[in-house]
């Protein structure tokens, strides 16, 4: 998605190399996805469910 849109930013963090960030986001499994510091999920999601979570986070951000 980040490649397709300049409105999406992706950061990949190596949990073992940055334990402070891992602790801040309570990483217990990988992959861990955090969207706008509000929506979080762990594990590999099927693409349709991943997209649904991203779109919902975007809609929630517009309502705030």
PDB file of N, CA and C in Angstrom:
ATOM      1  N   UNK A   1       0.812  -1.199   0.000  1.00  0.00           N
ATOM      2  CA  UNK A   1       0.000   0.000   0.000  1.00  0.00           C
ATOM      3  C   UNK A   1       0.852   1.258   0.000  1.00  0.00           C
ATOM      4  N   UNK A   2       1.961   1.231   0.702  1.00  0.00           N
ATOM      5  CA  UNK A   2       2.825   2.410   0.748  1.00  0.00           C
ATOM      6  C   UNK A   2       3.423   2.709  -0.613  1.00  0.00           C
ATOM      7  N   UNK A   3       3.624   1.685  -1.400  1.00  0.00           N
ATOM      8  CA  UNK A   3       4.149   1.896  -2.748  1.00  0.00           C
ATOM      9  C   UNK A   3       3.076   2.512  -3.637  1.00  0.00           C
ATOM     10  N   UNK A   4       1.821   2.131  -3.424  1.00  0.00           N
ATOM     11  CA  UNK A   4       0.729   2.596  -4.269  1.00  0.00           C
ATOM     12  C   UNK A   4       0.224   3.987  -3.896  1.00  0.00           C
ATOM     13  N   UNK A   5       0.487   4.439  -2.676  1.00  0.00           N
ATOM     14  CA  UNK A   5      -0.050   5.726  -2.238  1.00  0.00           C
ATOM     15  C   UNK A   5       0.958   6.474  -1.374  1.00  0.00           C
ATOM     16  N   UNK A   6       1.098   7.762  -1.635  1.00  0.00           N
ATOM     17  CA  UNK A   6       1.995   8.563  -0.799  1.00  0.00           C
ATOM     18  C   UNK A   6       1.330   8.957   0.522  1.00  0.00           C
ATOM     19  N   UNK A   7       0.083   8.549   0.727  1.00  0.00           N
ATOM     20  CA  UNK A   7      -0.619   8.813   1.978  1.00  0.00           C
ATOM     21  C   UNK A   7      -0.394   7.715   3.020  1.00  0.00           C
ATOM     22  N   UNK A   8       0.298   6.663   2.617  1.00  0.00           N
ATOM     23  CA  UNK A   8       0.575   5.540   3.513  1.00  0.00           C
ATOM     24  C   UNK A   8       2.065   5.499   3.793  1.00  0.00           C
ATOM     25  N   UNK A   9       2.411   5.391   5.064  1.00  0.00           N
ATOM     26  CA  UNK A   9       3.817   5.269   5.449  1.00  0.00           C
ATOM     27  C   UNK A   9       3.986   3.967   6.220  1.00  0.00           C
ATOM     28  N   UNK A  10       5.000   3.233   5.877  1.00  0.00           N
ATOM     29  CA  UNK A  10       5.271   1.951   6.521  1.00  0.00           C
ATOM     30  C   UNK A  10       6.657   1.990   7.136  1.00  0.00           C
ATOM     31  N   UNK A  11       6.759   1.501   8.348  1.00  0.00           N
ATOM     32  CA  UNK A  11       8.057   1.350   8.999  1.00  0.00           C
ATOM     33  C   UNK A  11       8.160  -0.084   9.489  1.00  0.00           C
ATOM     34  N   UNK A  12       9.271  -0.724   9.196  1.00  0.00           N
ATOM     35  CA  UNK A  12       9.546  -2.069   9.691  1.00  0.00           C
ATOM     36  C   UNK A  12      10.644  -1.949  10.734  1.00  0.00           C
ATOM     37  N   UNK A  13      10.368  -2.457  11.905  1.00  0.00           N
ATOM     38  CA  UNK A  13      11.309  -2.349  13.016  1.00  0.00           C
ATOM     39  C   UNK A  13      11.699  -3.761  13.452  1.00  0.00           C
ATOM     40  N   UNK A  14      12.970  -4.012  13.577  1.00  0.00           N
ATOM     41  CA  UNK A  14      13.456  -5.297  14.081  1.00  0.00           C
ATOM     42  C   UNK A  14      13.306  -5.289  15.601  1.00  0.00           C
ATOM     43  N   UNK A  15      12.382  -6.102  16.106  1.00  0.00           N
ATOM     44  CA  UNK A  15      12.036  -6.083  17.531  1.00  0.00           C
ATOM     45  C   UNK A  15      13.234  -6.362  18.431  1.00  0.00           C
ATOM     46  N   UNK A  16      14.105  -7.265  18.026  1.00  0.00           N
ATOM     47  CA  UNK A  16      15.267  -7.597  18.862  1.00  0.00           C
ATOM     48  C   UNK A  16      16.297  -6.476  18.907  1.00  0.00           C
ATOM     49  N   UNK A  17      16.366  -5.685  17.871  1.00  0.00           N
ATOM     50  CA  UNK A  17      17.343  -4.601  17.817  1.00  0.00           C
ATOM     51  C   UNK A  17      16.850  -3.322  18.491  1.00  0.00           C
ATOM     52  N   UNK A  18      15.551  -3.195  18.646  1.00  0.00           N
ATOM     53  CA  UNK A  18      14.963  -1.999  19.252  1.00  0.00           C
ATOM     54  C   UNK A  18      13.988  -2.399  20.361  1.00  0.00           C
ATOM     55  N   UNK A  19      14.509  -2.938  21.470  1.00  0.00           N
ATOM     56  CA  UNK A  19      13.622  -3.412  22.536  1.00  0.00           C
ATOM     57  C   UNK A  19      12.762  -2.310  23.151  1.00  0.00           C
ATOM     58  N   UNK A  20      13.235  -1.073  23.140  1.00  0.00           N
ATOM     59  CA  UNK A  20      12.428   0.017  23.700  1.00  0.00           C
ATOM     60  C   UNK A  20      11.154   0.228  22.892  1.00  0.00           C
ATOM     61  N   UNK A  21      11.268   0.159  21.582  1.00  0.00           N
ATOM     62  CA  UNK A  21      10.082   0.303  20.726  1.00  0.00           C
ATOM     63  C   UNK A  21       9.184  -0.915  20.884  1.00  0.00           C
ATOM     64  N   UNK A  22       9.781  -2.097  20.968  1.00  0.00           N
ATOM     65  CA  UNK A  22       9.007  -3.326  21.166  1.00  0.00           C
ATOM     66  C   UNK A  22       8.195  -3.255  22.452  1.00  0.00           C
ATOM     67  N   UNK A  23       8.791  -2.744  23.507  1.00  0.00           N
ATOM     68  CA  UNK A  23       8.083  -2.620  24.780  1.00  0.00           C
ATOM     69  C   UNK A  23       6.986  -1.567  24.703  1.00  0.00           C
ATOM     70  N   UNK A  24       7.269  -0.457  24.047  1.00  0.00           N
ATOM     71  CA  UNK A  24       6.275   0.624  23.932  1.00  0.00           C
ATOM     72  C   UNK A  24       4.999   0.131  23.255  1.00  0.00           C
ATOM     73  N   UNK A  25       5.152  -0.722  22.245  1.00  0.00           N
ATOM     74  CA  UNK A  25       3.996  -1.223  21.503  1.00  0.00           C
ATOM     75  C   UNK A  25       3.579  -2.625  21.943  1.00  0.00           C
ATOM     76  N   UNK A  26       4.144  -3.111  23.053  1.00  0.00           N
ATOM     77  CA  UNK A  26       3.768  -4.408  23.626  1.00  0.00           C
ATOM     78  C   UNK A  26       3.827  -5.533  22.591  1.00  0.00           C
ATOM     79  N   UNK A  27       4.936  -5.610  21.883  1.00  0.00           N
ATOM     80  CA  UNK A  27       5.104  -6.641  20.857  1.00  0.00           C
ATOM     81  C   UNK A  27       5.303  -7.985  21.540  1.00  0.00           C
ATOM     82  N   UNK A  28       4.381  -8.907  21.283  1.00  0.00           N
ATOM     83  CA  UNK A  28       4.465 -10.257  21.815  1.00  0.00           C
ATOM     84  C   UNK A  28       4.611 -11.280  20.690  1.00  0.00           C
ATOM     85  N   UNK A  29       4.267 -10.887  19.474  1.00  0.00           N
ATOM     86  CA  UNK A  29       4.363 -11.762  18.309  1.00  0.00           C
ATOM     87  C   UNK A  29       4.615 -10.891  17.088  1.00  0.00           C
ATOM     88  N   UNK A  30       5.138 -11.502  16.055  1.00  0.00           N
ATOM     89  CA  UNK A  30       5.359 -10.781  14.802  1.00  0.00           C
ATOM     90  C   UNK A  30       4.652 -11.511  13.670  1.00  0.00           C
ATOM     91  N   UNK A  31       4.185 -10.787  12.681  1.00  0.00           N
ATOM     92  CA  UNK A  31       4.254  -9.332  12.590  1.00  0.00           C
ATOM     93  C   UNK A  31       3.258  -8.666  13.536  1.00  0.00           C
ATOM     94  N   UNK A  32       3.612  -7.480  13.967  1.00  0.00           N
ATOM     95  CA  UNK A  32       2.726  -6.630  14.772  1.00  0.00           C
ATOM     96  C   UNK A  32       2.450  -5.396  13.935  1.00  0.00           C
ATOM     97  N   UNK A  33       1.191  -5.094  13.748  1.00  0.00           N
ATOM     98  CA  UNK A  33       0.791  -3.942  12.943  1.00  0.00           C
ATOM     99  C   UNK A  33       0.129  -2.927  13.863  1.00  0.00           C
ATOM    100  N   UNK A  34       0.575  -1.686  13.764  1.00  0.00           N
ATOM    101  CA  UNK A  34      -0.014  -0.584  14.521  1.00  0.00           C
ATOM    102  C   UNK A  34      -0.398   0.480  13.505  1.00  0.00           C
ATOM    103  N   UNK A  35      -1.657   0.876  13.526  1.00  0.00           N
ATOM    104  CA  UNK A  35      -2.152   1.870  12.576  1.00  0.00           C
ATOM    105  C   UNK A  35      -2.570   3.109  13.355  1.00  0.00           C
ATOM    106  N   UNK A  36      -1.901   4.212  13.079  1.00  0.00           N
ATOM    107  CA  UNK A  36      -2.210   5.505  13.708  1.00  0.00           C
ATOM    108  C   UNK A  36      -2.226   5.430  15.235  1.00  0.00           C
ATOM    109  N   UNK A  37      -1.427   4.574  15.805  1.00  0.00           N
ATOM    110  CA  UNK A  37      -1.349   4.394  17.261  1.00  0.00           C
ATOM    111  C   UNK A  37      -2.693   4.061  17.897  1.00  0.00           C
ATOM    112  N   UNK A  38      -3.668   3.599  17.120  1.00  0.00           N
ATOM    113  CA  UNK A  38      -4.988   3.263  17.659  1.00  0.00           C
ATOM    114  C   UNK A  38      -5.371   1.819  17.391  1.00  0.00           C
ATOM    115  N   UNK A  39      -5.170   1.360  16.189  1.00  0.00           N
ATOM    116  CA  UNK A  39      -5.558   0.007  15.799  1.00  0.00           C
ATOM    117  C   UNK A  39      -4.313  -0.862  15.820  1.00  0.00           C
ATOM    118  N   UNK A  40      -4.397  -2.016  16.480  1.00  0.00           N
ATOM    119  CA  UNK A  40      -3.257  -2.924  16.564  1.00  0.00           C
ATOM    120  C   UNK A  40      -3.729  -4.354  16.339  1.00  0.00           C
ATOM    121  N   UNK A  41      -2.895  -5.138  15.674  1.00  0.00           N
ATOM    122  CA  UNK A  41      -3.131  -6.579  15.603  1.00  0.00           C
ATOM    123  C   UNK A  41      -1.819  -7.283  15.359  1.00  0.00           C
ATOM    124  N   UNK A  42      -1.778  -8.554  15.762  1.00  0.00           N
ATOM    125  CA  UNK A  42      -0.565  -9.356  15.630  1.00  0.00           C
ATOM    126  C   UNK A  42      -0.860 -10.580  14.782  1.00  0.00           C
ATOM    127  N   UNK A  43       0.177 -11.050  14.125  1.00  0.00           N
ATOM    128  CA  UNK A  43       0.055 -12.239  13.299  1.00  0.00           C
ATOM    129  C   UNK A  43      -0.239 -11.880  11.856  1.00  0.00           C
ATOM    130  N   UNK A  44      -0.170 -12.884  11.019  1.00  0.00           N
ATOM    131  CA  UNK A  44      -0.403 -12.685   9.591  1.00  0.00           C
ATOM    132  C   UNK A  44      -1.905 -12.678   9.324  1.00  0.00           C
ATOM    133  N   UNK A  45      -2.411 -11.574   8.860  1.00  0.00           N
ATOM    134  CA  UNK A  45      -3.824 -11.445   8.510  1.00  0.00           C
ATOM    135  C   UNK A  45      -3.998 -11.731   7.027  1.00  0.00           C
ATOM    136  N   UNK A  46      -5.112 -12.331   6.641  1.00  0.00           N
ATOM    137  CA  UNK A  46      -5.406 -12.439   5.209  1.00  0.00           C
ATOM    138  C   UNK A  46      -5.540 -11.031   4.621  1.00  0.00           C
ATOM    139  N   UNK A  47      -5.145 -10.872   3.380  1.00  0.00           N
ATOM    140  CA  UNK A  47      -5.138  -9.545   2.759  1.00  0.00           C
ATOM    141  C   UNK A  47      -6.470  -8.807   2.879  1.00  0.00           C
ATOM    142  N   UNK A  48      -7.624  -9.455   2.629  1.00  0.00           N
ATOM    143  CA  UNK A  48      -8.888  -8.706   2.751  1.00  0.00           C
ATOM    144  C   UNK A  48      -9.126  -8.165   4.167  1.00  0.00           C
ATOM    145  N   UNK A  49      -8.763  -8.932   5.192  1.00  0.00           N
ATOM    146  CA  UNK A  49      -8.954  -8.466   6.565  1.00  0.00           C
ATOM    147  C   UNK A  49      -7.962  -7.366   6.923  1.00  0.00           C
ATOM    148  N   UNK A  50      -6.750  -7.473   6.405  1.00  0.00           N
ATOM    149  CA  UNK A  50      -5.748  -6.428   6.621  1.00  0.00           C
ATOM    150  C   UNK A  50      -6.237  -5.116   6.013  1.00  0.00           C
ATOM    151  N   UNK A  51      -6.707  -5.171   4.781  1.00  0.00           N
ATOM    152  CA  UNK A  51      -7.218  -3.976   4.108  1.00  0.00           C
ATOM    153  C   UNK A  51      -8.407  -3.396   4.862  1.00  0.00           C
ATOM    154  N   UNK A  52      -9.285  -4.250   5.355  1.00  0.00           N
ATOM    155  CA  UNK A  52     -10.443  -3.788   6.124  1.00  0.00           C
ATOM    156  C   UNK A  52      -9.992  -3.023   7.374  1.00  0.00           C
ATOM    157  N   UNK A  53      -8.983  -3.530   8.071  1.00  0.00           N
ATOM    158  CA  UNK A  53      -8.472  -2.855   9.271  1.00  0.00           C
ATOM    159  C   UNK A  53      -7.861  -1.502   8.921  1.00  0.00           C
ATOM    160  N   UNK A  54      -7.122  -1.438   7.823  1.00  0.00           N
ATOM    161  CA  UNK A  54      -6.514  -0.174   7.394  1.00  0.00           C
ATOM    162  C   UNK A  54      -7.597   0.841   7.027  1.00  0.00           C
ATOM    163  N   UNK A  55      -8.580   0.411   6.269  1.00  0.00           N
ATOM    164  CA  UNK A  55      -9.662   1.321   5.871  1.00  0.00           C
ATOM    165  C   UNK A  55     -10.463   1.794   7.079  1.00  0.00           C
ATOM    166  N   UNK A  56     -10.721   0.899   8.028  1.00  0.00           N
ATOM    167  CA  UNK A  56     -11.458   1.289   9.230  1.00  0.00           C
ATOM    168  C   UNK A  56     -10.670   2.310  10.039  1.00  0.00           C
ATOM    169  N   UNK A  57      -9.367   2.116  10.145  1.00  0.00           N
ATOM    170  CA  UNK A  57      -8.523   3.080  10.860  1.00  0.00           C
ATOM    171  C   UNK A  57      -8.559   4.437  10.169  1.00  0.00           C
ATOM    172  N   UNK A  58      -8.571   4.437   8.846  1.00  0.00           N
ATOM    173  CA  UNK A  58      -8.636   5.696   8.098  1.00  0.00           C
ATOM    174  C   UNK A  58      -9.969   6.394   8.344  1.00  0.00           C
ATOM    175  N   UNK A  59     -11.057   5.641   8.347  1.00  0.00           N
ATOM    176  CA  UNK A  59     -12.373   6.230   8.603  1.00  0.00           C
ATOM    177  C   UNK A  59     -12.471   6.755  10.029  1.00  0.00           C
ATOM    178  N   UNK A  60     -11.951   6.001  10.986  1.00  0.00           N
ATOM    179  CA  UNK A  60     -11.977   6.444  12.381  1.00  0.00           C
ATOM    180  C   UNK A  60     -11.190   7.735  12.552  1.00  0.00           C
ATOM    181  N   UNK A  61     -10.102   7.873  11.828  1.00  0.00           N
ATOM    182  CA  UNK A  61      -9.281   9.077  11.906  1.00  0.00           C
ATOM    183  C   UNK A  61     -10.004  10.301  11.383  1.00  0.00           C
ATOM    184  N   UNK A  62     -10.878  10.122  10.404  1.00  0.00           N
ATOM    185  CA  UNK A  62     -11.626  11.255   9.850  1.00  0.00           C
ATOM    186  C   UNK A  62     -12.718  11.721  10.797  1.00  0.00           C
ATOM    187  N   UNK A  63     -13.238  10.793  11.618  1.00  0.00           N
ATOM    188  CA  UNK A  63     -14.313  11.148  12.541  1.00  0.00           C
ATOM    189  C   UNK A  63     -13.786  11.866  13.773  1.00  0.00           C
ATOM    190  N   UNK A  64     -12.508  11.692  14.062  1.00  0.00           N
ATOM    191  CA  UNK A  64     -11.947  12.275  15.289  1.00  0.00           C
ATOM    192  C   UNK A  64     -11.759  13.766  15.164  1.00  0.00           C
TER     193      UNK A  64
END
